[in-house]
Amino acid sequence: RMDQTRGKLGWAGKFDALLNGRLAARYQNATIAQVL
């Protein structure tokens, strides 16, 4: 989605991220060790 909008998600993209990217958002500042 970021690639398609060149990094500008807009409201629709942000809403989509909330629905389909909760884990990604949760670990956006985490290490992979914390994920595992």
ModelCIF file with pLDDT and N, C-alpha, C, O atoms, coordinates in Angstrom:
data_MODEL
#
_entry.id   MODEL 
#
_entity.id                         1 
_entity.type                       polymer 
_entity.pdbx_number_of_molecules   1 
#
_entity_poly.entity_id                      1 
_entity_poly.type                           'polypeptide(L)' 
_entity_poly.nstd_linkage                   no 
_entity_poly.nstd_monomer                   no 
_entity_poly.pdbx_seq_one_letter_code       RMDQTRGKLGWAGKFDALLNGRLAARYQNATIAQVL 
_entity_poly.pdbx_seq_one_letter_code_can   RMDQTRGKLGWAGKFDALLNGRLAARYQNATIAQVL 
_entity_poly.pdbx_strand_id                 A 
#
loop_
_entity_poly_seq.entity_id 
_entity_poly_seq.num 
_entity_poly_seq.mon_id 
_entity_poly_seq.hetero 
1 1  ARG n 
1 2  MET n 
1 3  ASP n 
1 4  GLN n 
1 5  THR n 
1 6  ARG n 
1 7  GLY n 
1 8  LYS n 
1 9  LEU n 
1 10 GLY n 
1 11 TRP n 
1 12 ALA n 
1 13 GLY n 
1 14 LYS n 
1 15 PHE n 
1 16 ASP n 
1 17 ALA n 
1 18 LEU n 
1 19 LEU n 
1 20 ASN n 
1 21 GLY n 
1 22 ARG n 
1 23 LEU n 
1 24 ALA n 
1 25 ALA n 
1 26 ARG n 
1 27 TYR n 
1 28 GLN n 
1 29 ASN n 
1 30 ALA n 
1 31 THR n 
1 32 ILE n 
1 33 ALA n 
1 34 GLN n 
1 35 VAL n 
1 36 LEU n 
#
_struct_asym.id          A 
_struct_asym.entity_id   1 
#
loop_
_ma_qa_metric.id 
_ma_qa_metric.mode 
_ma_qa_metric.name 
_ma_qa_metric.software_group_id 
_ma_qa_metric.type 
1 global pLDDT . pLDDT 
2 local  pLDDT . pLDDT 
#
_ma_qa_metric_global.metric_id      1 
_ma_qa_metric_global.metric_value   76.28 
_ma_qa_metric_global.model_id       1 
_ma_qa_metric_global.ordinal_id     1 
#
loop_
_ma_qa_metric_local.label_asym_id 
_ma_qa_metric_local.label_comp_id 
_ma_qa_metric_local.label_seq_id 
_ma_qa_metric_local.metric_id 
_ma_qa_metric_local.metric_value 
_ma_qa_metric_local.model_id 
_ma_qa_metric_local.ordinal_id 
A ARG 1  2 70.00 1 1  
A MET 2  2 67.00 1 2  
A ASP 3  2 64.00 1 3  
A GLN 4  2 62.00 1 4  
A THR 5  2 62.00 1 5  
A ARG 6  2 64.00 1 6  
A GLY 7  2 61.00 1 7  
A LYS 8  2 67.00 1 8  
A LEU 9  2 63.00 1 9  
A GLY 10 2 65.00 1 10 
A TRP 11 2 55.00 1 11 
A ALA 12 2 62.00 1 12 
A GLY 13 2 59.00 1 13 
A LYS 14 2 59.00 1 14 
A PHE 15 2 53.00 1 15 
A ASP 16 2 62.00 1 16 
A ALA 17 2 63.00 1 17 
A LEU 18 2 63.00 1 18 
A LEU 19 2 63.00 1 19 
A ASN 20 2 71.00 1 20 
A GLY 21 2 78.00 1 21 
A ARG 22 2 88.00 1 22 
A LEU 23 2 91.00 1 23 
A ALA 24 2 90.00 1 24 
A ALA 25 2 88.00 1 25 
A ARG 26 2 92.00 1 26 
A TYR 27 2 94.00 1 27 
A GLN 28 2 91.00 1 28 
A ASN 29 2 95.00 1 29 
A ALA 30 2 97.00 1 30 
A THR 31 2 98.00 1 31 
A ILE 32 2 97.00 1 32 
A ALA 33 2 98.00 1 33 
A GLN 34 2 98.00 1 34 
A VAL 35 2 98.00 1 35 
A LEU 36 2 98.00 1 36 
#
loop_
_atom_site.group_PDB 
_atom_site.id 
_atom_site.type_symbol 
_atom_site.label_atom_id 
_atom_site.label_alt_id 
_atom_site.label_comp_id 
_atom_site.label_asym_id 
_atom_site.label_entity_id 
_atom_site.label_seq_id 
_atom_site.pdbx_PDB_ins_code 
_atom_site.Cartn_x 
_atom_site.Cartn_y 
_atom_site.Cartn_z 
_atom_site.occupancy 
_atom_site.B_iso_or_equiv 
_atom_site.pdbx_formal_charge 
_atom_site.auth_seq_id 
_atom_site.auth_comp_id 
_atom_site.auth_asym_id 
_atom_site.auth_atom_id 
_atom_site.pdbx_PDB_model_num 
ATOM 1   N N  . ARG A 1 1  ? 0.825  -1.206  0.000  1.00 70.00 ? 1  ARG A N  1 
ATOM 2   C CA . ARG A 1 1  ? 0.000  0.000   0.000  1.00 70.00 ? 1  ARG A CA 1 
ATOM 3   C C  . ARG A 1 1  ? 0.864  1.263   0.000  1.00 70.00 ? 1  ARG A C  1 
ATOM 4   O O  . ARG A 1 1  ? 0.541  2.245   -0.668 1.00 70.00 ? 1  ARG A O  1 
ATOM 5   N N  . MET A 1 2  ? 1.958  1.228   0.751  1.00 67.00 ? 2  MET A N  1 
ATOM 6   C CA . MET A 1 2  ? 2.873  2.371   0.792  1.00 67.00 ? 2  MET A CA 1 
ATOM 7   C C  . MET A 1 2  ? 3.491  2.612   -0.579 1.00 67.00 ? 2  MET A C  1 
ATOM 8   O O  . MET A 1 2  ? 3.624  3.755   -1.017 1.00 67.00 ? 2  MET A O  1 
ATOM 9   N N  . ASP A 1 3  ? 3.867  1.532   -1.249 1.00 64.00 ? 3  ASP A N  1 
ATOM 10  C CA . ASP A 1 3  ? 4.463  1.658   -2.576 1.00 64.00 ? 3  ASP A CA 1 
ATOM 11  C C  . ASP A 1 3  ? 3.462  2.241   -3.571 1.00 64.00 ? 3  ASP A C  1 
ATOM 12  O O  . ASP A 1 3  ? 3.808  3.073   -4.410 1.00 64.00 ? 3  ASP A O  1 
ATOM 13  N N  . GLN A 1 4  ? 2.217  1.787   -3.459 1.00 62.00 ? 4  GLN A N  1 
ATOM 14  C CA . GLN A 1 4  ? 1.186  2.245   -4.394 1.00 62.00 ? 4  GLN A CA 1 
ATOM 15  C C  . GLN A 1 4  ? 0.868  3.717   -4.220 1.00 62.00 ? 4  GLN A C  1 
ATOM 16  O O  . GLN A 1 4  ? 0.502  4.393   -5.182 1.00 62.00 ? 4  GLN A O  1 
ATOM 17  N N  . THR A 1 5  ? 1.003  4.217   -3.008 1.00 62.00 ? 5  THR A N  1 
ATOM 18  C CA . THR A 1 5  ? 0.663  5.621   -2.723 1.00 62.00 ? 5  THR A CA 1 
ATOM 19  C C  . THR A 1 5  ? 1.902  6.485   -2.492 1.00 62.00 ? 5  THR A C  1 
ATOM 20  O O  . THR A 1 5  ? 1.801  7.638   -2.075 1.00 62.00 ? 5  THR A O  1 
ATOM 21  N N  . ARG A 1 6  ? 3.091  5.896   -2.776 1.00 64.00 ? 6  ARG A N  1 
ATOM 22  C CA . ARG A 1 6  ? 4.350  6.612   -2.592 1.00 64.00 ? 6  ARG A CA 1 
ATOM 23  C C  . ARG A 1 6  ? 4.495  7.148   -1.165 1.00 64.00 ? 6  ARG A C  1 
ATOM 24  O O  . ARG A 1 6  ? 4.950  8.270   -0.945 1.00 64.00 ? 6  ARG A O  1 
ATOM 25  N N  . GLY A 1 7  ? 4.101  6.323   -0.222 1.00 61.00 ? 7  GLY A N  1 
ATOM 26  C CA . GLY A 1 7  ? 4.283  6.664   1.189  1.00 61.00 ? 7  GLY A CA 1 
ATOM 27  C C  . GLY A 1 7  ? 3.189  7.513   1.799  1.00 61.00 ? 7  GLY A C  1 
ATOM 28  O O  . GLY A 1 7  ? 3.254  7.844   2.983  1.00 61.00 ? 7  GLY A O  1 
ATOM 29  N N  . LYS A 1 8  ? 2.180  7.874   1.011  1.00 67.00 ? 8  LYS A N  1 
ATOM 30  C CA . LYS A 1 8  ? 1.085  8.698   1.520  1.00 67.00 ? 8  LYS A CA 1 
ATOM 31  C C  . LYS A 1 8  ? -0.204 7.884   1.521  1.00 67.00 ? 8  LYS A C  1 
ATOM 32  O O  . LYS A 1 8  ? -0.917 7.826   0.519  1.00 67.00 ? 8  LYS A O  1 
ATOM 33  N N  . LEU A 1 9  ? -0.491 7.264   2.648  1.00 63.00 ? 9  LEU A N  1 
ATOM 34  C CA . LEU A 1 9  ? -1.617 6.342   2.725  1.00 63.00 ? 9  LEU A CA 1 
ATOM 35  C C  . LEU A 1 9  ? -2.971 7.046   2.639  1.00 63.00 ? 9  LEU A C  1 
ATOM 36  O O  . LEU A 1 9  ? -3.906 6.513   2.041  1.00 63.00 ? 9  LEU A O  1 
ATOM 37  N N  . GLY A 1 10 ? -3.084 8.225   3.224  1.00 65.00 ? 10 GLY A N  1 
ATOM 38  C CA . GLY A 1 10 ? -4.389 8.873   3.266  1.00 65.00 ? 10 GLY A CA 1 
ATOM 39  C C  . GLY A 1 10 ? -5.285 8.179   4.277  1.00 65.00 ? 10 GLY A C  1 
ATOM 40  O O  . GLY A 1 10 ? -4.888 7.204   4.915  1.00 65.00 ? 10 GLY A O  1 
ATOM 41  N N  . TRP A 1 11 ? -6.507 8.699   4.412  1.00 55.00 ? 11 TRP A N  1 
ATOM 42  C CA . TRP A 1 11 ? -7.412 8.136   5.422  1.00 55.00 ? 11 TRP A CA 1 
ATOM 43  C C  . TRP A 1 11 ? -7.797 6.699   5.097  1.00 55.00 ? 11 TRP A C  1 
ATOM 44  O O  . TRP A 1 11 ? -7.846 5.855   5.991  1.00 55.00 ? 11 TRP A O  1 
ATOM 45  N N  . ALA A 1 12 ? -8.071 6.413   3.828  1.00 62.00 ? 12 ALA A N  1 
ATOM 46  C CA . ALA A 1 12 ? -8.461 5.051   3.447  1.00 62.00 ? 12 ALA A CA 1 
ATOM 47  C C  . ALA A 1 12 ? -7.332 4.068   3.722  1.00 62.00 ? 12 ALA A C  1 
ATOM 48  O O  . ALA A 1 12 ? -7.569 2.963   4.211  1.00 62.00 ? 12 ALA A O  1 
ATOM 49  N N  . GLY A 1 13 ? -6.117 4.467   3.410  1.00 59.00 ? 13 GLY A N  1 
ATOM 50  C CA . GLY A 1 13 ? -4.975 3.595   3.649  1.00 59.00 ? 13 GLY A CA 1 
ATOM 51  C C  . GLY A 1 13 ? -4.720 3.373   5.119  1.00 59.00 ? 13 GLY A C  1 
ATOM 52  O O  . GLY A 1 13 ? -4.388 2.263   5.536  1.00 59.00 ? 13 GLY A O  1 
ATOM 53  N N  . LYS A 1 14 ? -4.872 4.413   5.906  1.00 59.00 ? 14 LYS A N  1 
ATOM 54  C CA . LYS A 1 14 ? -4.669 4.287   7.349  1.00 59.00 ? 14 LYS A CA 1 
ATOM 55  C C  . LYS A 1 14 ? -5.737 3.391   7.975  1.00 59.00 ? 14 LYS A C  1 
ATOM 56  O O  . LYS A 1 14 ? -5.448 2.605   8.877  1.00 59.00 ? 14 LYS A O  1 
ATOM 57  N N  . PHE A 1 15 ? -6.962 3.517   7.492  1.00 53.00 ? 15 PHE A N  1 
ATOM 58  C CA . PHE A 1 15 ? -8.044 2.657   7.993  1.00 53.00 ? 15 PHE A CA 1 
ATOM 59  C C  . PHE A 1 15 ? -7.771 1.203   7.625  1.00 53.00 ? 15 PHE A C  1 
ATOM 60  O O  . PHE A 1 15 ? -7.987 0.293   8.426  1.00 53.00 ? 15 PHE A O  1 
ATOM 61  N N  . ASP A 1 16 ? -7.290 1.000   6.393  1.00 62.00 ? 16 ASP A N  1 
ATOM 62  C CA . ASP A 1 16 ? -6.935 -0.348  5.950  1.00 62.00 ? 16 ASP A CA 1 
ATOM 63  C C  . ASP A 1 16 ? -5.811 -0.926  6.813  1.00 62.00 ? 16 ASP A C  1 
ATOM 64  O O  . ASP A 1 16 ? -5.834 -2.106  7.162  1.00 62.00 ? 16 ASP A O  1 
ATOM 65  N N  . ALA A 1 17 ? -4.829 -0.090  7.154  1.00 63.00 ? 17 ALA A N  1 
ATOM 66  C CA . ALA A 1 17 ? -3.721 -0.547  8.000  1.00 63.00 ? 17 ALA A CA 1 
ATOM 67  C C  . ALA A 1 17 ? -4.207 -0.945  9.381  1.00 63.00 ? 17 ALA A C  1 
ATOM 68  O O  . ALA A 1 17 ? -3.699 -1.897  9.973  1.00 63.00 ? 17 ALA A O  1 
ATOM 69  N N  . LEU A 1 18 ? -5.208 -0.206  9.905  1.00 63.00 ? 18 LEU A N  1 
ATOM 70  C CA . LEU A 1 18 ? -5.770 -0.548  11.212 1.00 63.00 ? 18 LEU A CA 1 
ATOM 71  C C  . LEU A 1 18 ? -6.467 -1.901  11.172 1.00 63.00 ? 18 LEU A C  1 
ATOM 72  O O  . LEU A 1 18 ? -6.407 -2.672  12.130 1.00 63.00 ? 18 LEU A O  1 
ATOM 73  N N  . LEU A 1 19 ? -7.126 -2.179  10.057 1.00 63.00 ? 19 LEU A N  1 
ATOM 74  C CA . LEU A 1 19 ? -7.860 -3.438  9.927  1.00 63.00 ? 19 LEU A CA 1 
ATOM 75  C C  . LEU A 1 19 ? -6.946 -4.617  9.619  1.00 63.00 ? 19 LEU A C  1 
ATOM 76  O O  . LEU A 1 19 ? -7.152 -5.719  10.127 1.00 63.00 ? 19 LEU A O  1 
ATOM 77  N N  . ASN A 1 20 ? -5.941 -4.383  8.789  1.00 71.00 ? 20 ASN A N  1 
ATOM 78  C CA . ASN A 1 20 ? -5.127 -5.489  8.270  1.00 71.00 ? 20 ASN A CA 1 
ATOM 79  C C  . ASN A 1 20 ? -3.661 -5.429  8.667  1.00 71.00 ? 20 ASN A C  1 
ATOM 80  O O  . ASN A 1 20 ? -2.844 -6.178  8.131  1.00 71.00 ? 20 ASN A O  1 
ATOM 81  N N  . GLY A 1 21 ? -3.322 -4.553  9.594  1.00 78.00 ? 21 GLY A N  1 
ATOM 82  C CA . GLY A 1 21 ? -1.916 -4.440  9.956  1.00 78.00 ? 21 GLY A CA 1 
ATOM 83  C C  . GLY A 1 21 ? -1.664 -4.217  11.436 1.00 78.00 ? 21 GLY A C  1 
ATOM 84  O O  . GLY A 1 21 ? -0.728 -3.513  11.816 1.00 78.00 ? 21 GLY A O  1 
ATOM 85  N N  . ARG A 1 22 ? -2.495 -4.814  12.263 1.00 88.00 ? 22 ARG A N  1 
ATOM 86  C CA . ARG A 1 22 ? -2.354 -4.566  13.699 1.00 88.00 ? 22 ARG A CA 1 
ATOM 87  C C  . ARG A 1 22 ? -1.065 -5.127  14.266 1.00 88.00 ? 22 ARG A C  1 
ATOM 88  O O  . ARG A 1 22 ? -0.429 -4.491  15.106 1.00 88.00 ? 22 ARG A O  1 
ATOM 89  N N  . LEU A 1 23 ? -0.669 -6.316  13.817 1.00 91.00 ? 23 LEU A N  1 
ATOM 90  C CA . LEU A 1 23 ? 0.586  -6.887  14.302 1.00 91.00 ? 23 LEU A CA 1 
ATOM 91  C C  . LEU A 1 23 ? 1.776  -6.083  13.789 1.00 91.00 ? 23 LEU A C  1 
ATOM 92  O O  . LEU A 1 23 ? 2.731  -5.825  14.522 1.00 91.00 ? 23 LEU A O  1 
ATOM 93  N N  . ALA A 1 24 ? 1.704  -5.696  12.528 1.00 90.00 ? 24 ALA A N  1 
ATOM 94  C CA . ALA A 1 24 ? 2.791  -4.907  11.959 1.00 90.00 ? 24 ALA A CA 1 
ATOM 95  C C  . ALA A 1 24 ? 2.942  -3.588  12.706 1.00 90.00 ? 24 ALA A C  1 
ATOM 96  O O  . ALA A 1 24 ? 4.060  -3.139  12.958 1.00 90.00 ? 24 ALA A O  1 
ATOM 97  N N  . ALA A 1 25 ? 1.814  -2.967  13.060 1.00 88.00 ? 25 ALA A N  1 
ATOM 98  C CA . ALA A 1 25 ? 1.860  -1.716  13.809 1.00 88.00 ? 25 ALA A CA 1 
ATOM 99  C C  . ALA A 1 25 ? 2.413  -1.946  15.217 1.00 88.00 ? 25 ALA A C  1 
ATOM 100 O O  . ALA A 1 25 ? 3.182  -1.137  15.736 1.00 88.00 ? 25 ALA A O  1 
ATOM 101 N N  . ARG A 1 26 ? 2.011  -3.053  15.816 1.00 92.00 ? 26 ARG A N  1 
ATOM 102 C CA . ARG A 1 26 ? 2.463  -3.347  17.181 1.00 92.00 ? 26 ARG A CA 1 
ATOM 103 C C  . ARG A 1 26 ? 3.980  -3.501  17.238 1.00 92.00 ? 26 ARG A C  1 
ATOM 104 O O  . ARG A 1 26 ? 4.615  -3.081  18.205 1.00 92.00 ? 26 ARG A O  1 
ATOM 105 N N  . TYR A 1 27 ? 4.553  -4.098  16.209 1.00 94.00 ? 27 TYR A N  1 
ATOM 106 C CA . TYR A 1 27 ? 5.988  -4.389  16.225 1.00 94.00 ? 27 TYR A CA 1 
ATOM 107 C C  . TYR A 1 27 ? 6.808  -3.439  15.349 1.00 94.00 ? 27 TYR A C  1 
ATOM 108 O O  . TYR A 1 27 ? 7.943  -3.752  14.990 1.00 94.00 ? 27 TYR A O  1 
ATOM 109 N N  . GLN A 1 28 ? 6.243  -2.294  15.007 1.00 91.00 ? 28 GLN A N  1 
ATOM 110 C CA . GLN A 1 28 ? 6.945  -1.396  14.087 1.00 91.00 ? 28 GLN A CA 1 
ATOM 111 C C  . GLN A 1 28 ? 8.274  -0.892  14.650 1.00 91.00 ? 28 GLN A C  1 
ATOM 112 O O  . GLN A 1 28 ? 9.181  -0.565  13.884 1.00 91.00 ? 28 GLN A O  1 
ATOM 113 N N  . ASN A 1 29 ? 8.400  -0.825  15.963 1.00 95.00 ? 29 ASN A N  1 
ATOM 114 C CA . ASN A 1 29 ? 9.651  -0.383  16.580 1.00 95.00 ? 29 ASN A CA 1 
ATOM 115 C C  . ASN A 1 29 ? 10.343 -1.505  17.352 1.00 95.00 ? 29 ASN A C  1 
ATOM 116 O O  . ASN A 1 29 ? 11.249 -1.252  18.145 1.00 95.00 ? 29 ASN A O  1 
ATOM 117 N N  . ALA A 1 30 ? 9.914  -2.737  17.117 1.00 97.00 ? 30 ALA A N  1 
ATOM 118 C CA . ALA A 1 30 ? 10.452 -3.882  17.847 1.00 97.00 ? 30 ALA A CA 1 
ATOM 119 C C  . ALA A 1 30 ? 11.592 -4.542  17.091 1.00 97.00 ? 30 ALA A C  1 
ATOM 120 O O  . ALA A 1 30 ? 11.798 -4.282  15.906 1.00 97.00 ? 30 ALA A O  1 
ATOM 121 N N  . THR A 1 31 ? 12.323 -5.390  17.780 1.00 98.00 ? 31 THR A N  1 
ATOM 122 C CA . THR A 1 31 ? 13.326 -6.232  17.136 1.00 98.00 ? 31 THR A CA 1 
ATOM 123 C C  . THR A 1 31 ? 12.658 -7.542  16.747 1.00 98.00 ? 31 THR A C  1 
ATOM 124 O O  . THR A 1 31 ? 11.577 -7.865  17.239 1.00 98.00 ? 31 THR A O  1 
ATOM 125 N N  . ILE A 1 32 ? 13.300 -8.290  15.867 1.00 97.00 ? 32 ILE A N  1 
ATOM 126 C CA . ILE A 1 32 ? 12.710 -9.576  15.486 1.00 97.00 ? 32 ILE A CA 1 
ATOM 127 C C  . ILE A 1 32 ? 12.750 -10.549 16.660 1.00 97.00 ? 32 ILE A C  1 
ATOM 128 O O  . ILE A 1 32 ? 11.918 -11.453 16.736 1.00 97.00 ? 32 ILE A O  1 
ATOM 129 N N  . ALA A 1 33 ? 13.696 -10.383 17.571 1.00 98.00 ? 33 ALA A N  1 
ATOM 130 C CA . ALA A 1 33 ? 13.724 -11.233 18.766 1.00 98.00 ? 33 ALA A CA 1 
ATOM 131 C C  . ALA A 1 33 ? 12.471 -11.027 19.601 1.00 98.00 ? 33 ALA A C  1 
ATOM 132 O O  . ALA A 1 33 ? 11.930 -11.987 20.149 1.00 98.00 ? 33 ALA A O  1 
ATOM 133 N N  . GLN A 1 34 ? 12.005 -9.796  19.706 1.00 98.00 ? 34 GLN A N  1 
ATOM 134 C CA . GLN A 1 34 ? 10.796 -9.517  20.469 1.00 98.00 ? 34 GLN A CA 1 
ATOM 135 C C  . GLN A 1 34 ? 9.572  -10.130 19.803 1.00 98.00 ? 34 GLN A C  1 
ATOM 136 O O  . GLN A 1 34 ? 8.660  -10.604 20.481 1.00 98.00 ? 34 GLN A O  1 
ATOM 137 N N  . VAL A 1 35 ? 9.555  -10.120 18.480 1.00 98.00 ? 35 VAL A N  1 
ATOM 138 C CA . VAL A 1 35 ? 8.454  -10.765 17.758 1.00 98.00 ? 35 VAL A CA 1 
ATOM 139 C C  . VAL A 1 35 ? 8.442  -12.259 18.045 1.00 98.00 ? 35 VAL A C  1 
ATOM 140 O O  . VAL A 1 35 ? 7.400  -12.827 18.371 1.00 98.00 ? 35 VAL A O  1 
ATOM 141 N N  . LEU A 1 36 ? 9.607  -12.892 17.923 1.00 98.00 ? 36 LEU A N  1 
ATOM 142 C CA . LEU A 1 36 ? 9.682  -14.335 18.141 1.00 98.00 ? 36 LEU A CA 1 
ATOM 143 C C  . LEU A 1 36 ? 9.383  -14.702 19.589 1.00 98.00 ? 36 LEU A C  1 
ATOM 144 O O  . LEU A 1 36 ? 9.404  -15.880 19.944 1.00 98.00 ? 36 LEU A O  1 
#
